[in-house]
Amino acid sequence: MQPLPDALAQAVIPAGVRSLLERLQSAGHESWLVGGGVRDLLRGQHPKDWDIATQALPEEVTRLFRRVVPTGIAHGTVTVLVPEGQVEVTTFRVESAYLDGRRPGAVEFRRDLVEDLARRDFTINALAFDPVGGRFRDPFGGQEDLGRRRVRCVGVAAERFGEDGLRPLRAVRFATVLDFELDPDTEAAIPGALGVFDKVALERRRDEFLKLLLAPGAVRGLVLLRRTGLMDRLLPELAAVDDAERNPRVGRSAPVLEVRLALLLVGVGEAASALDRLRLPGKTAETVRALLVHPLPAEASAWTDGALRRWLVRLGPERSELARALAQATGADPAGTLGERLGRIVAARPPLTPRDLALDGAAIMKALGVGPSPAVGEATRFLLEAVLERPDLNTAEQLEALLRQRARGDKQTR
């Protein structure tokens, strides 16, 4: 048994999590906090998630606790609900060969903690802490790797990557998010695992990639993805583009998903294909497409306010802040002066859609003396164009006057 690190001795464990451990141990089941939660505690951070590994079988855990969700019975996992949230409780296990690079052919429950830790991906995740008994287990040197700021596979990297094709991307994601280096042997094993990576569901790839893209060290992550060949498999549409300007632009931007995705795809001929490949939520994909099709160009500094309002109509005013951030990162508006002007225009809440007009369809028909007809749509477009140029015209009286003036003009041309 290794000495208990100071960071763990001083760690504050939520009462519900500690009580869960105590109850399992009182029932005779060896139980430990494991994985990323222990890693975070060693780094002086509060874990986002709590995971427990135990000798208890799922049915034994279920009998001990009232609020249990059978989230993964076949793999030995149940979720116990505590006042602080959810805790995944998994029986010590080993796994047979992975037949498809995604899941083991079979799971065998065991009584040994070290065997359980040996199946995990990286040494910094193969850690166990028992806050009740004050015990710590680190059979694969994860604490040392944390100190050296290194992501290293447990055992032979090629074997770990062959078991789960997502692990190469997770290695790069951990190195990016934690600002760690990839162990040379771990990095060297990634190109040989790309065939297994290809078998991973697109949604699982996307989730890891987006975590990387939003990290403060996203530029390092993008470089690692390119260097290991993962980027060509993730987004082959980027294969022919130059990273020299693209990556720094991503790094300069705020960690806003739509902005960073747009920066990554600016100038990519098959950007729509890349967005489809990521299988993003519909609203997110639609916003990124709008930012790519209607960016705020450098020449917009010479546009009139009316021209900027027309651009807002095309983009969608709700996306203006994202467009401003995109323009600053690309260098189209480096000082942000154009963005400030745009912000003032948006803050004035100008009329930008037919719904914003002071005359609705019924009022327009009354003013024209007509019923429902194409003439109403034509008049609506005419009025909207007028108020886009001059928002101060958007009163019922002035819009009616514009319609009368237009009618007189039509008569004169006839």
Protein backbone atom coordinates (compact mmCIF):
# COMPACT_ATOMS: atom_id res chain seq x y z
CA MET A 1 0.00 0.00 0.00
CA GLN A 2 1.43 3.38 -0.99
CA PRO A 3 1.61 6.35 1.39
CA LEU A 4 -1.42 8.60 1.26
CA PRO A 5 -0.53 11.81 -0.66
CA ASP A 6 -1.15 15.07 1.19
CA ALA A 7 -3.64 16.21 -1.46
CA LEU A 8 -5.80 13.15 -0.73
CA ALA A 9 -5.37 13.39 3.03
CA GLN A 10 -6.74 16.93 2.88
CA ALA A 11 -9.42 16.24 0.26
CA VAL A 12 -13.04 17.01 1.12
CA ILE A 13 -15.30 14.17 0.00
CA PRO A 14 -19.04 14.93 -0.31
CA ALA A 15 -20.99 13.40 2.55
CA GLY A 16 -23.20 11.34 0.25
CA VAL A 17 -20.22 9.84 -1.58
CA ARG A 18 -18.42 9.02 1.66
CA SER A 19 -21.56 7.49 3.14
CA LEU A 20 -21.93 5.31 0.05
CA LEU A 21 -18.39 3.98 0.49
CA GLU A 22 -18.91 3.40 4.20
CA ARG A 23 -22.05 1.39 3.62
CA LEU A 24 -20.42 -0.80 0.97
CA GLN A 25 -17.43 -1.46 3.21
CA SER A 26 -19.60 -2.13 6.27
CA ALA A 27 -21.38 -4.82 4.21
CA GLY A 28 -17.99 -6.46 3.63
CA HIS A 29 -17.33 -5.17 0.10
CA GLU A 30 -13.92 -3.65 -0.62
CA SER A 31 -14.64 -0.33 -2.35
CA TRP A 32 -12.56 2.55 -3.69
CA LEU A 33 -12.92 5.88 -5.43
CA VAL A 34 -11.26 5.43 -8.81
CA GLY A 35 -10.41 7.16 -12.07
CA GLY A 36 -10.66 10.81 -13.00
CA GLY A 37 -12.06 11.87 -9.64
CA VAL A 38 -8.92 10.69 -7.86
CA ARG A 39 -6.79 12.34 -10.54
CA ASP A 40 -8.59 15.64 -9.97
CA LEU A 41 -8.20 15.41 -6.19
CA LEU A 42 -4.45 14.85 -6.59
CA ARG A 43 -4.33 17.99 -8.73
CA GLY A 44 -6.14 19.98 -6.05
CA GLN A 45 -9.35 20.23 -8.06
CA HIS A 46 -12.93 19.31 -7.23
CA PRO A 47 -14.04 16.31 -9.31
CA LYS A 48 -16.93 16.74 -11.70
CA ASP A 49 -17.83 13.06 -11.39
CA TRP A 50 -17.42 10.38 -8.75
CA ASP A 51 -16.79 6.73 -9.62
CA ILE A 52 -16.50 3.80 -7.25
CA ALA A 53 -15.01 0.38 -7.96
CA THR A 54 -16.16 -2.38 -5.63
CA GLN A 55 -16.10 -6.12 -5.03
CA ALA A 56 -19.90 -6.01 -4.72
CA LEU A 57 -21.91 -7.36 -7.61
CA PRO A 58 -24.57 -5.07 -9.15
CA GLU A 59 -27.41 -6.93 -7.45
CA GLU A 60 -25.65 -6.58 -4.09
CA VAL A 61 -25.24 -2.84 -4.62
CA THR A 62 -28.91 -2.59 -5.58
CA ARG A 63 -29.98 -4.30 -2.36
CA LEU A 64 -27.91 -1.90 -0.25
CA PHE A 65 -29.29 1.36 -1.62
CA ARG A 66 -32.77 2.69 -2.21
CA ARG A 67 -32.13 4.97 -5.18
CA VAL A 68 -30.29 2.93 -7.82
CA VAL A 69 -30.47 3.16 -11.62
CA PRO A 70 -29.37 0.05 -13.61
CA THR A 71 -27.31 2.01 -16.13
CA GLY A 72 -24.97 -0.80 -17.20
CA ILE A 73 -25.80 -4.05 -15.45
CA ALA A 74 -24.19 -6.20 -18.16
CA HIS A 75 -20.87 -4.44 -17.54
CA GLY A 76 -21.25 -4.38 -13.77
CA THR A 77 -22.31 -0.75 -13.42
CA VAL A 78 -25.19 0.81 -11.54
CA THR A 79 -25.73 4.46 -10.69
CA VAL A 80 -26.49 5.32 -7.09
CA LEU A 81 -28.23 8.63 -6.44
CA VAL A 82 -26.85 10.63 -3.51
CA PRO A 83 -27.74 14.17 -2.36
CA GLU A 84 -24.80 15.61 -4.30
CA GLY A 85 -25.75 13.90 -7.56
CA GLN A 86 -24.96 10.56 -9.21
CA VAL A 87 -22.20 8.07 -8.42
CA GLU A 88 -21.33 5.24 -10.80
CA VAL A 89 -20.58 2.03 -8.89
CA THR A 90 -18.86 -0.70 -10.92
CA THR A 91 -17.83 -4.19 -9.89
CA PHE A 92 -14.10 -5.03 -10.17
CA ARG A 93 -13.77 -6.64 -13.58
CA VAL A 94 -11.51 -7.78 -16.37
CA GLU A 95 -12.45 -7.76 -20.04
CA SER A 96 -11.96 -10.30 -22.80
CA ALA A 97 -10.58 -9.37 -26.21
CA TYR A 98 -12.22 -6.41 -27.93
CA LEU A 99 -13.70 -7.82 -31.11
CA ASP A 100 -14.67 -4.57 -32.80
CA GLY A 101 -12.41 -1.93 -31.24
CA ARG A 102 -15.34 -0.57 -29.27
CA ARG A 103 -16.47 -3.05 -26.63
CA PRO A 104 -15.15 -6.26 -25.03
CA GLY A 105 -16.49 -9.62 -26.09
CA ALA A 106 -17.25 -10.41 -22.46
CA VAL A 107 -16.81 -9.00 -18.97
CA GLU A 108 -15.69 -11.13 -16.02
CA PHE A 109 -16.18 -9.88 -12.48
CA ARG A 110 -13.19 -10.23 -10.14
CA ARG A 111 -12.21 -9.60 -6.53
CA ASP A 112 -8.92 -7.80 -7.24
CA LEU A 113 -8.59 -4.01 -7.50
CA VAL A 114 -5.28 -4.06 -9.42
CA GLU A 115 -6.74 -6.28 -12.12
CA ASP A 116 -9.54 -3.76 -12.47
CA LEU A 117 -7.14 -0.80 -12.70
CA ALA A 118 -5.04 -2.64 -15.30
CA ARG A 119 -7.90 -2.49 -17.85
CA ARG A 120 -8.04 1.32 -17.73
CA ASP A 121 -6.71 3.59 -20.46
CA PHE A 122 -4.10 5.91 -18.93
CA THR A 123 -2.01 5.74 -15.78
CA ILE A 124 -3.43 9.04 -14.53
CA ASN A 125 -6.86 7.38 -14.56
CA ALA A 126 -5.67 4.09 -13.01
CA LEU A 127 -5.66 5.45 -9.46
CA ALA A 128 -7.69 4.38 -6.41
CA PHE A 129 -8.38 6.16 -3.11
CA ASP A 130 -10.25 4.95 -0.05
CA PRO A 131 -11.03 8.04 2.05
CA VAL A 132 -12.66 5.90 4.75
CA GLY A 133 -9.60 3.79 5.44
CA GLY A 134 -7.05 6.39 4.31
CA ARG A 135 -5.64 4.09 1.60
CA PHE A 136 -4.17 4.85 -1.84
CA ARG A 137 -3.30 2.53 -4.73
CA ASP A 138 -1.25 3.51 -7.77
CA PRO A 139 0.10 0.32 -9.35
CA PHE A 140 1.06 1.88 -12.70
CA GLY A 141 2.80 5.13 -11.78
CA GLY A 142 -0.06 7.54 -12.38
CA GLN A 143 0.98 9.89 -9.58
CA GLU A 144 4.45 10.20 -11.06
CA ASP A 145 2.95 10.88 -14.49
CA LEU A 146 0.77 13.60 -12.97
CA GLY A 147 3.89 15.19 -11.51
CA ARG A 148 5.64 14.98 -14.87
CA ARG A 149 2.50 16.26 -16.64
CA ARG A 150 2.42 13.26 -18.94
CA VAL A 151 -0.34 11.18 -20.54
CA ARG A 152 0.82 7.56 -20.75
CA CYS A 153 -1.09 4.38 -21.48
CA VAL A 154 -1.38 1.64 -18.89
CA GLY A 155 0.92 -1.14 -20.09
CA VAL A 156 1.46 -1.41 -23.85
CA ALA A 157 -0.09 1.52 -25.71
CA ALA A 158 -0.85 -0.46 -28.87
CA GLU A 159 -2.83 -2.98 -26.82
CA ARG A 160 -4.83 -0.30 -25.02
CA PHE A 161 -5.63 1.44 -28.31
CA GLY A 162 -6.57 -1.85 -29.94
CA GLU A 163 -9.14 -2.44 -27.19
CA ASP A 164 -11.00 0.82 -27.68
CA GLY A 165 -10.56 2.89 -30.83
CA LEU A 166 -11.57 6.09 -29.05
CA ARG A 167 -8.54 5.99 -26.75
CA PRO A 168 -6.09 7.61 -29.21
CA LEU A 169 -8.35 10.66 -29.43
CA ARG A 170 -8.86 10.62 -25.67
CA ALA A 171 -5.07 10.65 -25.23
CA VAL A 172 -4.80 13.80 -27.32
CA ARG A 173 -7.81 15.34 -25.58
CA PHE A 174 -6.37 14.73 -22.12
CA ALA A 175 -3.01 16.17 -23.16
CA THR A 176 -4.81 19.24 -24.50
CA VAL A 177 -7.27 19.85 -21.67
CA LEU A 178 -4.73 19.16 -18.90
CA ASP A 179 -1.88 20.89 -20.74
CA PHE A 180 0.20 17.69 -20.47
CA GLU A 181 2.64 16.09 -22.89
CA LEU A 182 1.94 12.81 -24.64
CA ASP A 183 4.31 10.04 -23.61
CA PRO A 184 6.45 9.26 -26.71
CA ASP A 185 5.47 5.57 -26.78
CA THR A 186 1.80 6.49 -26.39
CA GLU A 187 1.96 9.00 -29.24
CA ALA A 188 3.92 6.62 -31.45
CA ALA A 189 1.18 4.01 -31.12
CA ILE A 190 -1.60 6.28 -32.43
CA PRO A 191 -0.96 6.05 -36.20
CA GLY A 192 -1.09 2.27 -36.01
CA ALA A 193 -4.47 2.44 -34.25
CA LEU A 194 -6.23 4.59 -36.85
CA GLY A 195 -7.96 1.59 -38.39
CA VAL A 196 -9.55 0.81 -35.01
CA PHE A 197 -10.38 4.49 -34.53
CA ASP A 198 -12.37 4.36 -37.79
CA LYS A 199 -14.80 1.92 -36.13
CA VAL A 200 -15.79 4.38 -33.40
CA ALA A 201 -19.23 5.96 -33.65
CA LEU A 202 -19.13 9.49 -35.04
CA GLU A 203 -20.97 10.85 -32.02
CA ARG A 204 -18.29 9.54 -29.62
CA ARG A 205 -15.55 11.06 -31.77
CA ARG A 206 -17.41 14.37 -31.90
CA ASP A 207 -17.81 14.62 -28.14
CA GLU A 208 -14.08 14.15 -27.53
CA PHE A 209 -13.14 16.52 -30.33
CA LEU A 210 -15.38 19.32 -29.12
CA LYS A 211 -13.92 19.08 -25.59
CA LEU A 212 -10.49 19.49 -27.16
CA LEU A 213 -11.61 22.37 -29.36
CA LEU A 214 -12.94 24.34 -26.39
CA ALA A 215 -9.87 23.84 -24.21
CA PRO A 216 -7.48 26.77 -23.53
CA GLY A 217 -4.73 24.74 -25.22
CA ALA A 218 -6.80 23.92 -28.31
CA VAL A 219 -3.96 24.91 -30.65
CA ARG A 220 -1.67 22.23 -29.16
CA GLY A 221 -4.47 19.74 -29.53
CA LEU A 222 -5.02 20.59 -33.18
CA VAL A 223 -1.30 20.19 -33.84
CA LEU A 224 -1.31 16.78 -32.15
CA LEU A 225 -4.35 15.69 -34.14
CA ARG A 226 -2.59 16.59 -37.36
CA ARG A 227 0.72 15.03 -36.30
CA THR A 228 -0.80 11.70 -35.31
CA GLY A 229 -3.08 11.40 -38.35
CA LEU A 230 -6.26 11.67 -36.29
CA MET A 231 -7.35 14.91 -37.96
CA ASP A 232 -7.39 13.24 -41.37
CA ARG A 233 -9.82 10.68 -39.97
CA LEU A 234 -11.89 13.16 -37.96
CA LEU A 235 -12.25 15.87 -40.60
CA PRO A 236 -10.65 14.80 -43.88
CA GLU A 237 -12.05 18.01 -45.43
CA LEU A 238 -9.24 19.87 -43.64
CA ALA A 239 -6.48 17.73 -45.15
CA ALA A 240 -5.63 20.20 -47.90
CA VAL A 241 -5.78 23.39 -45.82
CA ASP A 242 -2.89 25.17 -44.14
CA ASP A 243 -2.81 25.23 -40.35
CA ALA A 244 -0.30 28.10 -40.10
CA GLU A 245 -3.01 30.77 -39.77
CA ARG A 246 -6.01 28.60 -38.98
CA ASN A 247 -4.82 27.19 -35.66
CA PRO A 248 -3.66 30.52 -34.18
CA ARG A 249 -7.04 32.05 -35.09
CA VAL A 250 -8.76 29.33 -33.10
CA GLY A 251 -6.41 30.01 -30.20
CA ARG A 252 -7.14 33.76 -30.28
CA SER A 253 -10.89 33.32 -30.01
CA ALA A 254 -13.04 32.93 -26.95
CA PRO A 255 -13.94 29.29 -26.20
CA VAL A 256 -17.33 29.51 -27.90
CA LEU A 257 -18.21 26.38 -29.85
CA GLU A 258 -19.81 28.01 -32.89
CA VAL A 259 -17.00 30.55 -33.25
CA ARG A 260 -14.19 28.02 -32.98
CA LEU A 261 -15.88 25.64 -35.40
CA ALA A 262 -16.38 28.47 -37.90
CA LEU A 263 -12.73 29.51 -37.54
CA LEU A 264 -11.64 25.95 -38.16
CA LEU A 265 -13.76 25.73 -41.32
CA VAL A 266 -13.20 29.21 -42.85
CA GLY A 267 -12.05 28.76 -46.44
CA VAL A 268 -12.69 24.99 -46.45
CA GLY A 269 -14.41 24.08 -49.68
CA GLU A 270 -16.35 21.21 -48.15
CA ALA A 271 -17.27 22.89 -44.87
CA ALA A 272 -20.87 21.67 -45.12
CA SER A 273 -19.62 18.09 -45.39
CA ALA A 274 -17.43 18.57 -42.32
CA LEU A 275 -20.37 19.90 -40.31
CA ASP A 276 -22.49 16.93 -41.38
CA ARG A 277 -19.71 14.58 -40.35
CA LEU A 278 -19.66 16.02 -36.82
CA ARG A 279 -23.39 15.38 -36.41
CA LEU A 280 -23.89 18.54 -34.41
CA PRO A 281 -27.22 19.61 -32.95
CA GLY A 282 -29.29 21.28 -35.67
CA LYS A 283 -29.18 24.78 -34.18
CA THR A 284 -25.40 24.66 -33.71
CA ALA A 285 -24.78 23.51 -37.28
CA GLU A 286 -27.17 26.13 -38.66
CA THR A 287 -25.38 28.89 -36.74
CA VAL A 288 -21.94 27.80 -37.96
CA ARG A 289 -23.20 27.69 -41.55
CA ALA A 290 -24.62 31.21 -41.21
CA LEU A 291 -21.31 32.51 -39.82
CA LEU A 292 -19.43 30.96 -42.74
CA VAL A 293 -21.83 32.22 -45.41
CA HIS A 294 -22.31 35.72 -43.94
CA PRO A 295 -19.08 36.70 -42.15
CA LEU A 296 -18.44 40.30 -41.17
CA PRO A 297 -15.81 41.35 -43.75
CA ALA A 298 -13.09 43.95 -43.26
CA GLU A 299 -14.70 46.19 -45.90
CA ALA A 300 -17.80 46.43 -43.73
CA SER A 301 -16.09 49.30 -41.90
CA ALA A 302 -16.98 51.41 -44.96
CA TRP A 303 -20.60 50.25 -45.04
CA THR A 304 -23.48 52.53 -44.10
CA ASP A 305 -25.60 51.68 -41.09
CA GLY A 306 -28.31 50.63 -43.53
CA ALA A 307 -25.95 48.16 -45.18
CA LEU A 308 -25.01 46.73 -41.77
CA ARG A 309 -28.69 46.32 -40.93
CA ARG A 310 -29.25 44.45 -44.20
CA TRP A 311 -26.29 42.20 -43.34
CA LEU A 312 -27.89 41.55 -39.94
CA VAL A 313 -31.06 40.41 -41.70
CA ARG A 314 -29.07 37.89 -43.74
CA LEU A 315 -27.06 36.63 -40.77
CA GLY A 316 -29.76 36.75 -38.11
CA PRO A 317 -29.38 39.45 -35.44
CA GLU A 318 -29.16 36.85 -32.66
CA ARG A 319 -25.81 35.76 -34.15
CA SER A 320 -24.23 39.20 -34.28
CA GLU A 321 -22.05 38.71 -31.18
CA LEU A 322 -20.66 35.48 -32.63
CA ALA A 323 -19.94 37.23 -35.92
CA ARG A 324 -18.11 40.01 -34.06
CA ALA A 325 -15.92 37.44 -32.27
CA LEU A 326 -15.23 35.69 -35.56
CA ALA A 327 -14.21 38.96 -37.25
CA GLN A 328 -11.77 39.81 -34.46
CA ALA A 329 -10.13 36.37 -34.55
CA THR A 330 -9.76 36.37 -38.36
CA GLY A 331 -8.29 39.88 -38.39
CA ALA A 332 -11.24 41.42 -40.24
CA ASP A 333 -11.87 43.63 -37.21
CA PRO A 334 -8.69 43.39 -35.10
CA ALA A 335 -9.37 46.42 -32.90
CA GLY A 336 -13.06 45.61 -32.49
CA THR A 337 -14.17 49.08 -33.65
CA LEU A 338 -16.50 47.70 -36.32
CA GLY A 339 -17.91 45.30 -33.76
CA GLU A 340 -18.59 48.16 -31.35
CA ARG A 341 -20.46 50.03 -34.07
CA LEU A 342 -22.44 46.92 -34.87
CA GLY A 343 -23.21 46.49 -31.18
CA ARG A 344 -24.70 49.97 -31.02
CA ILE A 345 -26.87 49.25 -34.05
CA VAL A 346 -28.17 46.01 -32.52
CA ALA A 347 -28.74 47.69 -29.13
CA ALA A 348 -31.03 50.23 -30.84
CA ARG A 349 -33.32 47.29 -31.75
CA PRO A 350 -34.02 48.41 -35.32
CA PRO A 351 -36.85 46.84 -37.33
CA LEU A 352 -35.30 43.93 -39.24
CA THR A 353 -38.24 41.68 -40.12
CA PRO A 354 -41.82 42.17 -41.35
CA ARG A 355 -42.98 41.43 -37.80
CA ASP A 356 -41.14 44.55 -36.64
CA LEU A 357 -43.05 46.88 -38.97
CA ALA A 358 -45.48 49.33 -37.39
CA LEU A 359 -48.07 48.16 -39.97
CA ASP A 360 -49.12 44.51 -39.99
CA GLY A 361 -50.65 42.71 -42.95
CA ALA A 362 -54.20 43.78 -42.11
CA ALA A 363 -53.16 47.42 -41.79
CA ILE A 364 -51.32 47.28 -45.10
CA MET A 365 -54.38 45.80 -46.83
CA LYS A 366 -56.53 48.57 -45.34
CA ALA A 367 -54.09 51.25 -46.45
CA LEU A 368 -53.98 49.79 -49.97
CA GLY A 369 -57.70 49.11 -50.12
CA VAL A 370 -57.10 45.49 -51.19
CA GLY A 371 -57.67 42.00 -49.84
CA PRO A 372 -55.06 39.24 -49.52
CA SER A 373 -52.94 39.37 -52.64
CA PRO A 374 -49.34 39.48 -53.90
CA ALA A 375 -49.56 43.26 -53.62
CA VAL A 376 -49.48 42.95 -49.83
CA GLY A 377 -46.19 41.04 -49.93
CA GLU A 378 -44.71 43.56 -52.35
CA ALA A 379 -45.75 46.44 -50.09
CA THR A 380 -44.31 44.68 -47.03
CA ARG A 381 -40.95 44.24 -48.76
CA PHE A 382 -41.00 47.87 -49.86
CA LEU A 383 -41.65 49.09 -46.32
CA LEU A 384 -39.03 46.82 -44.78
CA GLU A 385 -36.40 48.08 -47.21
CA ALA A 386 -37.32 51.65 -46.29
CA VAL A 387 -36.98 51.12 -42.53
CA LEU A 388 -33.76 49.16 -42.92
CA GLU A 389 -32.30 52.32 -44.42
CA ARG A 390 -34.10 54.63 -41.97
CA PRO A 391 -35.46 52.97 -38.81
CA ASP A 392 -36.98 56.28 -37.71
CA LEU A 393 -39.61 55.87 -40.45
CA ASN A 394 -41.15 52.91 -38.59
CA THR A 395 -44.38 54.52 -37.41
CA ALA A 396 -47.86 53.75 -38.69
CA GLU A 397 -48.35 57.28 -40.00
CA GLN A 398 -45.05 57.44 -41.88
CA LEU A 399 -45.41 53.94 -43.34
CA GLU A 400 -48.92 54.76 -44.58
CA ALA A 401 -47.50 57.95 -46.13
CA LEU A 402 -44.81 55.87 -47.87
CA LEU A 403 -47.46 53.55 -49.29
CA ARG A 404 -49.50 56.50 -50.61
CA GLN A 405 -46.35 58.02 -52.12
CA ARG A 406 -45.52 54.68 -53.75
CA ALA A 407 -49.05 54.41 -55.14
CA ARG A 408 -48.82 57.88 -56.65
CA GLY A 409 -45.50 57.01 -58.22
CA ASP A 410 -46.94 53.84 -59.72
CA LYS A 411 -49.79 55.81 -61.27
CA GLN A 412 -47.40 58.36 -62.75
CA THR A 413 -45.24 55.65 -64.35
CA ARG A 414 -48.33 54.12 -65.91
